[in-house]
Amino acid sequence: MVWSNLPCSGKLMPSRILALDHGTKRIGVALSDELGWTAQPLETYERQTLDLDIAHILDLVKTHEVGKVLLGLPLRLNGEEGLAVQAVHQFLERLADALPVPVDTWDERLTTKDAEQLLIAADVGWKKRKGLVDRIAAAILLQSYLEAQSPSPVHGHPAEAEDGLEPDNQYHEAPERPYETARDPHRTRPRRRTRRGGRVSDDEMG
């Protein structure tokens, strides 16, 4: 989970992670929920100038109250860095200087291929795939990162976040995590009704 210090209150509050699938023509964007359980495709951004690209990402960070940005690192299959990684590092330097939140990198090998396979399996035509594949690749990248940080498995697939594979910026509740009741601070205890002095009240059980 990512926590951010809100200037207005001085309190630490959970915040979202914004994932970027960097490309020469487009940038796929995905967003996590506040608790860091699920990733959802957000948009496919058509690149312009570097300054405009970074300004757009900065706007997304502010709009969605992002606490961290995750940038995909296109390593080769053998784990080595190539020319594509060098371009990402250059973009990373400019991004880190411009954003008020930390920027991390994460291995994005095969995420685009996985996204293509998901869309083909969903019988999405190649013209429509062009606009969806980058954002879904970003969601796969982000879900991989979230599961690596989580103490217990996170179920569900990022592609399920889209209703009919149309752009959807609505965020849905994550499925209940398989924590034990004693360890889950978000789990609600069952309540029982008791009568006190002629009035009925609810008491926690356990």
Foldseek 3Di string as FASTA:
>chain_A
DFWDQDPVPRDIAFAKEWEWEDDPFKIWIWIAPRVLQAIATAFIGGDDDLVVVLVVVQVVCVVRVHQEYEYEAAADPVRHHDPSNVVVVVSQVVNCVPHPHYYYYFHLYCLLVVLVVVCVVLVHDPVVCVGQSNSLSRRQRSNVVSQVPDPAGRDDGRCVNDDSSDRDPDDDDGPDDPDDPVPDPPDDADWDWDADPNDIDIDGDD
